[in-house]
Amino acid sequence: MGTIQIDGSTPKLTIGNATAEDALIVFDGNAQDFYIGLDDSADDLVIGLGSAAGTTPAISINEDRDVTISDGAIDFDVASHDTSNGLKLGGTLVTATAAELNIMDGVTSTAAEINLIDGGTARGTTALADGDGILINDAGTMRMTNVTAVKTYMDFAVGDITGATALADVPATTDEFVISDGGTLKRIDADFVMNTPCFYAYKAAATSFANDTTTLLVPTSVVQNDGTCYDTSNGKFTVPSGQDGSYLVYGSFRIDNYDPNRCSAVFYVNGSEINWTLHEHSPEGDLASRRPVIHATAILNLAATDYVEFKGHQGSGSTDDVINAVFGGFKIR
């Protein structure tokens, strides 16, 4: 039989008579047969290999118009798929290549986990530990890198400091320096290396010294009082909280009439005498009218709330005046 032609405005070819039976069109090939037919037992339209309905199917369409590519070693090849044409989903061209899609092979991530890679905003609070991994873009290739490798790469060294920006003023107490603490780099406030707290005060007015009596000197004119550690109402220098350490303190006064043959300058810590200097002289001739300066210096190990006072003593046998008294000090370490 030759060519069959069905003409008309609405041509129709019906195969079958609504009975429970398979209906096929078989393509009898030289090397291989194919068929298109109704697999009545499954109620599916099937395209398959061979000449019997339901055997070796390739594509089937069910009553819900669901299309199934049969299981097995079957490829569905969109031969011309590239970034310009090929496979579309919902009318949108899939621009990913097969290699890119294959990256997802074996992925067990949840949608939430994948969304984190896509710029998600969720952030965890779990601390990092050696052996944890970080996703890194390595010149366009995403790789998992151990955090220890990142730590080594990001490790900060003093040699990394370039000094590109010069400090244009005296460092503030809250400015920071980087130091090596036994090989570990740490930041410290400039306050710790600025000899602070520190203070200096003076008093020009005379203070009356009774004979053979240790008298408190209270300089009231403050030149420096960094840390608000010196109290002009009682002449006390008090170590601020968190400033334990070694302090250099100094004080001096000028005796008004050099009638006494003995004068001393004394430091008291927490009310107890701790250090003193002695000046002795037997006046002869015009030395009796001179006004020598008596001074003392000490290095004291002090803790927070410790206080230091500066006092003077004279043994002239009568009351004398002290002028130009000064009291100061600063932390040295």
Protein backbone atom coordinates (compact mmCIF):
# COMPACT_ATOMS: atom_id res chain seq x y z
CA MET A 1 0.00 0.00 0.00
CA GLY A 2 1.25 3.43 -0.80
CA THR A 3 0.54 6.82 0.74
CA ILE A 4 -2.69 7.34 2.71
CA GLN A 5 -4.07 10.85 2.63
CA ILE A 6 -7.04 12.05 4.71
CA ASP A 7 -8.49 15.25 3.38
CA GLY A 8 -11.16 17.60 4.66
CA SER A 9 -11.50 20.65 6.85
CA THR A 10 -11.39 18.59 10.08
CA PRO A 11 -9.73 15.30 9.10
CA LYS A 12 -9.75 12.62 11.74
CA LEU A 13 -8.29 9.12 12.00
CA THR A 14 -9.64 7.00 14.82
CA ILE A 15 -7.86 3.82 15.94
CA GLY A 16 -9.86 1.57 18.29
CA ASN A 17 -13.53 1.33 19.25
CA ALA A 18 -13.57 2.25 22.93
CA THR A 19 -13.01 -1.31 24.06
CA ALA A 20 -10.38 -2.48 26.54
CA GLU A 21 -7.58 -3.13 24.12
CA ASP A 22 -4.26 -1.68 23.15
CA ALA A 23 -4.10 0.45 20.04
CA LEU A 24 -0.79 0.94 18.28
CA ILE A 25 0.95 2.50 15.35
CA VAL A 26 4.09 0.45 14.77
CA PHE A 27 7.07 1.65 12.79
CA ASP A 28 8.60 -1.47 11.32
CA GLY A 29 12.24 -0.63 10.87
CA ASN A 30 15.06 -2.59 9.27
CA ALA A 31 17.11 -2.84 12.46
CA GLN A 32 14.75 -1.57 15.14
CA ASP A 33 10.97 -1.14 15.60
CA PHE A 34 9.27 1.74 17.44
CA TYR A 35 5.64 2.32 18.36
CA ILE A 36 3.22 5.02 19.40
CA GLY A 37 0.15 3.61 21.06
CA LEU A 38 -2.37 3.37 23.84
CA ASP A 39 -1.38 1.08 26.70
CA ASP A 40 -4.93 0.34 27.76
CA SER A 41 -3.93 -1.45 30.95
CA ALA A 42 -2.30 1.72 32.23
CA ASP A 43 -4.45 4.19 30.27
CA ASP A 44 -1.27 5.89 29.03
CA LEU A 45 -0.17 7.11 25.63
CA VAL A 46 3.24 5.56 25.15
CA ILE A 47 6.18 6.05 22.79
CA GLY A 48 8.50 3.11 23.07
CA LEU A 49 10.88 0.61 21.56
CA GLY A 50 9.57 -2.51 19.80
CA SER A 51 6.09 -3.36 18.60
CA ALA A 52 4.14 -4.27 21.77
CA ALA A 53 2.35 -1.64 23.86
CA GLY A 54 3.79 -1.12 27.31
CA THR A 55 7.13 -2.79 26.59
CA THR A 56 10.37 -0.81 26.74
CA PRO A 57 8.54 2.54 26.96
CA ALA A 58 10.48 5.78 26.54
CA ILE A 59 7.87 8.53 27.04
CA SER A 60 4.38 8.19 28.48
CA ILE A 61 1.50 10.63 29.03
CA ASN A 62 -1.22 9.81 31.57
CA GLU A 63 -4.80 11.00 31.89
CA ASP A 64 -3.60 14.04 33.89
CA ARG A 65 -1.24 14.93 31.02
CA ASP A 66 1.76 14.21 33.21
CA VAL A 67 4.74 13.35 31.02
CA THR A 68 7.10 10.64 32.26
CA ILE A 69 10.52 9.73 30.92
CA SER A 70 10.76 6.05 31.70
CA ASP A 71 13.23 4.78 34.27
CA GLY A 72 16.42 3.17 33.17
CA ALA A 73 19.40 4.18 31.08
CA ILE A 74 17.48 6.75 29.05
CA ASP A 75 18.84 10.16 28.10
CA PHE A 76 16.70 13.21 27.40
CA ASP A 77 19.12 15.27 25.33
CA VAL A 78 18.39 18.88 24.42
CA ALA A 79 21.11 18.90 21.80
CA SER A 80 21.33 22.65 21.20
CA HIS A 81 21.03 23.79 24.84
CA ASP A 82 23.35 26.71 25.57
CA THR A 83 23.09 30.18 27.04
CA SER A 84 21.09 31.36 23.99
CA ASN A 85 18.55 28.58 23.36
CA GLY A 86 17.52 25.12 24.48
CA LEU A 87 15.77 24.01 27.66
CA LYS A 88 13.12 26.38 29.02
CA LEU A 89 11.17 26.14 32.23
CA GLY A 90 7.97 28.13 32.38
CA GLY A 91 9.06 29.99 29.29
CA THR A 92 12.37 31.01 30.83
CA LEU A 93 15.57 29.73 29.28
CA VAL A 94 17.77 27.74 31.63
CA THR A 95 21.16 29.39 31.19
CA ALA A 96 23.10 27.03 33.49
CA THR A 97 25.33 24.52 31.74
CA ALA A 98 25.22 20.81 32.43
CA ALA A 99 28.51 21.09 34.34
CA GLU A 100 27.06 23.82 36.52
CA LEU A 101 23.91 21.82 37.23
CA ASN A 102 25.98 18.73 38.01
CA ILE A 103 27.53 20.60 40.92
CA MET A 104 24.23 19.99 42.71
CA ASP A 105 24.66 16.21 42.33
CA GLY A 106 24.70 14.69 45.79
CA VAL A 107 23.82 17.96 47.59
CA THR A 108 21.83 17.33 50.76
CA SER A 109 21.51 20.97 51.87
CA THR A 110 18.18 22.44 52.88
CA ALA A 111 16.70 25.39 51.05
CA ALA A 112 17.58 27.62 54.03
CA GLU A 113 21.22 26.51 53.88
CA ILE A 114 21.46 27.14 50.14
CA ASN A 115 19.83 30.55 50.59
CA LEU A 116 22.69 31.53 52.93
CA ILE A 117 25.06 31.17 49.99
CA ASP A 118 22.73 33.37 47.99
CA GLY A 119 23.16 36.32 50.33
CA GLY A 120 20.93 35.19 53.17
CA THR A 121 20.91 37.40 56.27
CA ALA A 122 20.82 34.73 58.98
CA ARG A 123 23.85 34.75 61.26
CA GLY A 124 24.80 32.16 63.84
CA THR A 125 26.54 32.65 67.19
CA THR A 126 28.43 29.36 67.30
CA ALA A 127 32.11 29.95 68.06
CA LEU A 128 34.61 28.90 65.39
CA ALA A 129 37.04 26.11 66.16
CA ASP A 130 40.00 24.52 64.40
CA GLY A 131 38.67 22.09 61.81
CA ASP A 132 35.62 24.19 60.94
CA GLY A 133 35.23 25.12 57.28
CA ILE A 134 34.58 28.38 55.45
CA LEU A 135 33.27 28.66 51.89
CA ILE A 136 35.79 30.65 49.83
CA ASN A 137 35.59 31.94 46.26
CA ASP A 138 38.94 30.88 44.82
CA ALA A 139 39.25 32.95 41.63
CA GLY A 140 35.70 32.01 40.66
CA THR A 141 35.77 28.45 42.02
CA MET A 142 33.96 27.87 45.32
CA ARG A 143 36.07 25.82 47.72
CA MET A 144 35.76 24.77 51.35
CA THR A 145 38.75 26.03 53.36
CA ASN A 146 39.70 25.12 56.91
CA VAL A 147 39.42 28.05 59.34
CA THR A 148 42.97 27.38 60.53
CA ALA A 149 44.22 28.18 57.03
CA VAL A 150 42.24 31.42 57.05
CA LYS A 151 43.54 32.19 60.53
CA THR A 152 47.14 31.75 59.37
CA TYR A 153 46.56 33.92 56.31
CA MET A 154 44.79 36.65 58.28
CA ASP A 155 47.24 36.56 61.20
CA PHE A 156 48.27 40.10 62.09
CA ALA A 157 51.95 40.87 62.59
CA VAL A 158 53.73 44.04 63.64
CA GLY A 159 55.36 44.06 60.20
CA ASP A 160 51.89 44.61 58.73
CA ILE A 161 51.79 48.10 60.23
CA THR A 162 52.77 50.54 57.49
CA GLY A 163 52.45 53.81 59.36
CA ALA A 164 50.64 55.30 56.39
CA THR A 165 48.78 57.80 58.58
CA ALA A 166 50.89 59.88 60.96
CA LEU A 167 49.52 60.91 64.34
CA ALA A 168 49.29 64.69 64.09
CA ASP A 169 48.95 65.41 67.81
CA VAL A 170 49.91 64.15 71.24
CA PRO A 171 48.24 60.74 71.74
CA ALA A 172 44.99 60.81 73.67
CA THR A 173 44.65 58.51 76.67
CA THR A 174 42.24 56.34 74.68
CA ASP A 175 44.55 56.01 71.66
CA GLU A 176 45.94 52.50 71.34
CA PHE A 177 49.31 50.87 70.74
CA VAL A 178 49.98 47.34 69.53
CA ILE A 179 52.44 45.33 71.62
CA SER A 180 53.60 41.73 71.68
CA ASP A 181 52.61 40.05 74.93
CA GLY A 182 54.86 36.98 74.91
CA GLY A 183 54.35 36.61 71.16
CA THR A 184 50.63 37.43 71.23
CA LEU A 185 49.75 40.83 69.77
CA LYS A 186 47.51 42.92 72.00
CA ARG A 187 46.21 46.48 72.06
CA ILE A 188 46.74 48.78 75.04
CA ASP A 189 45.55 52.31 75.70
CA ALA A 190 48.18 55.03 75.48
CA ASP A 191 47.21 55.87 79.04
CA PHE A 192 49.31 52.91 80.23
CA VAL A 193 52.55 54.32 78.80
CA MET A 194 51.99 58.03 79.47
CA ASN A 195 53.18 58.18 83.12
CA THR A 196 49.66 58.76 84.30
CA PRO A 197 48.12 59.44 86.67
CA CYS A 198 50.31 62.43 87.47
CA PHE A 199 49.96 65.62 89.49
CA TYR A 200 51.84 68.77 90.44
CA ALA A 201 50.73 71.54 92.79
CA TYR A 202 52.38 74.42 94.61
CA LYS A 203 51.69 76.91 97.36
CA ALA A 204 53.38 80.30 97.60
CA ALA A 205 51.74 81.44 100.83
CA ALA A 206 53.51 80.72 104.11
CA THR A 207 52.64 77.76 106.30
CA SER A 208 53.46 78.09 109.98
CA PHE A 209 55.61 75.28 111.40
CA ALA A 210 55.54 74.74 115.15
CA ASN A 211 58.82 73.72 116.72
CA ASP A 212 59.66 70.03 116.54
CA THR A 213 56.28 69.23 114.96
CA THR A 214 55.68 67.39 111.69
CA THR A 215 53.27 69.59 109.72
CA LEU A 216 51.15 68.66 106.70
CA LEU A 217 51.81 70.71 103.56
CA VAL A 218 48.78 71.31 101.33
CA PRO A 219 49.76 72.96 98.01
CA THR A 220 46.54 74.36 96.53
CA SER A 221 47.56 75.75 93.13
CA VAL A 222 47.26 72.83 90.68
CA VAL A 223 49.38 72.76 87.52
CA GLN A 224 48.62 69.16 86.55
CA ASN A 225 46.10 66.69 87.95
CA ASP A 226 45.70 63.94 85.35
CA GLY A 227 43.29 61.35 86.70
CA THR A 228 41.89 63.78 89.31
CA CYS A 229 44.08 62.06 91.85
CA TYR A 230 45.25 65.03 93.95
CA ASP A 231 42.88 66.66 96.46
CA THR A 232 43.68 70.34 97.21
CA SER A 233 41.44 70.27 100.29
CA ASN A 234 43.66 67.87 102.22
CA GLY A 235 46.92 67.57 100.25
CA LYS A 236 46.40 63.87 99.49
CA PHE A 237 47.43 62.07 96.32
CA THR A 238 45.22 58.95 96.02
CA VAL A 239 45.95 56.11 93.57
CA PRO A 240 42.94 55.65 91.23
CA SER A 241 41.28 52.28 90.70
CA GLY A 242 43.15 50.04 88.26
CA GLN A 243 46.38 52.06 88.55
CA ASP A 244 48.45 49.87 90.86
CA GLY A 245 52.17 50.25 90.22
CA SER A 246 55.36 52.15 90.99
CA TYR A 247 55.21 55.92 91.46
CA LEU A 248 57.84 58.62 91.70
CA VAL A 249 56.82 61.35 94.15
CA TYR A 250 58.68 64.51 95.01
CA GLY A 251 58.17 67.49 97.27
CA SER A 252 60.03 70.54 98.52
CA PHE A 253 59.61 73.61 100.66
CA ARG A 254 61.64 76.67 101.51
CA ILE A 255 62.22 77.58 105.16
CA ASP A 256 61.59 81.27 105.81
CA ASN A 257 64.20 81.94 108.52
CA TYR A 258 67.18 79.65 108.72
CA ASP A 259 67.40 79.76 112.47
CA PRO A 260 66.77 76.03 112.90
CA ASN A 261 69.67 73.69 112.71
CA ARG A 262 67.55 70.78 111.54
CA CYS A 263 64.81 70.47 108.88
CA SER A 264 63.30 67.38 107.20
CA ALA A 265 60.87 66.60 104.37
CA VAL A 266 58.72 63.49 104.87
CA PHE A 267 56.31 61.34 102.81
CA TYR A 268 53.46 59.51 104.51
CA VAL A 269 51.59 56.58 102.89
CA ASN A 270 48.15 55.80 104.33
CA GLY A 271 49.04 57.86 107.41
CA SER A 272 52.40 56.21 108.11
CA GLU A 273 55.83 57.76 107.63
CA ILE A 274 57.58 56.05 104.71
CA ASN A 275 60.48 58.25 103.58
CA TRP A 276 62.25 61.37 104.79
CA THR A 277 65.29 63.56 104.14
CA LEU A 278 67.18 65.57 106.72
CA HIS A 279 68.95 68.91 106.36
CA GLU A 280 71.20 69.97 109.25
CA HIS A 281 73.30 73.12 109.66
CA SER A 282 74.80 75.18 112.41
CA PRO A 283 74.38 78.74 111.12
CA GLU A 284 77.37 81.01 111.25
CA GLY A 285 77.55 84.57 110.12
CA ASP A 286 75.13 85.51 107.31
CA LEU A 287 74.01 81.89 106.74
CA ALA A 288 71.43 82.46 109.42
CA SER A 289 69.52 84.84 107.13
CA ARG A 290 69.35 82.51 104.13
CA ARG A 291 66.30 80.44 103.08
CA PRO A 292 67.38 76.96 101.96
CA VAL A 293 65.10 74.56 100.06
CA ILE A 294 64.38 71.21 101.68
CA HIS A 295 63.34 68.50 99.28
CA ALA A 296 62.59 64.77 99.10
CA THR A 297 62.11 62.22 96.33
CA ALA A 298 60.92 58.63 96.59
CA ILE A 299 59.79 55.68 94.46
CA LEU A 300 56.78 54.01 96.05
CA ASN A 301 54.92 50.81 95.20
CA LEU A 302 51.28 51.74 95.56
CA ALA A 303 47.90 50.09 95.06
CA ALA A 304 44.47 51.52 94.35
CA THR A 305 43.11 53.74 97.18
CA ASP A 306 46.59 54.17 98.74
CA TYR A 307 47.20 57.84 99.51
CA VAL A 308 50.39 59.88 99.91
CA GLU A 309 50.91 63.07 101.94
CA PHE A 310 53.88 65.46 102.07
CA LYS A 311 54.92 66.91 105.39
CA GLY A 312 57.72 69.04 106.81
CA HIS A 313 59.51 69.25 110.15
CA GLN A 314 61.72 71.89 111.75
CA GLY A 315 63.56 71.96 115.07
CA SER A 316 64.54 75.56 115.59
CA GLY A 317 63.22 75.83 119.12
CA SER A 318 60.46 78.18 117.99
CA THR A 319 57.74 78.58 115.34
CA ASP A 320 58.94 79.24 111.77
CA ASP A 321 57.31 79.68 108.38
CA VAL A 322 57.56 77.54 105.25
CA ILE A 323 57.09 79.15 101.84
CA ASN A 324 57.02 77.96 98.22
CA ALA A 325 55.95 74.37 98.98
CA VAL A 326 55.46 71.98 96.02
CA PHE A 327 54.18 68.40 95.82
CA GLY A 328 54.01 66.18 92.73
CA GLY A 329 54.32 62.69 91.36
CA PHE A 330 53.54 60.31 88.51
CA LYS A 331 53.28 56.62 87.72
CA ILE A 332 56.44 55.16 86.20
CA ARG A 333 55.22 51.59 85.49
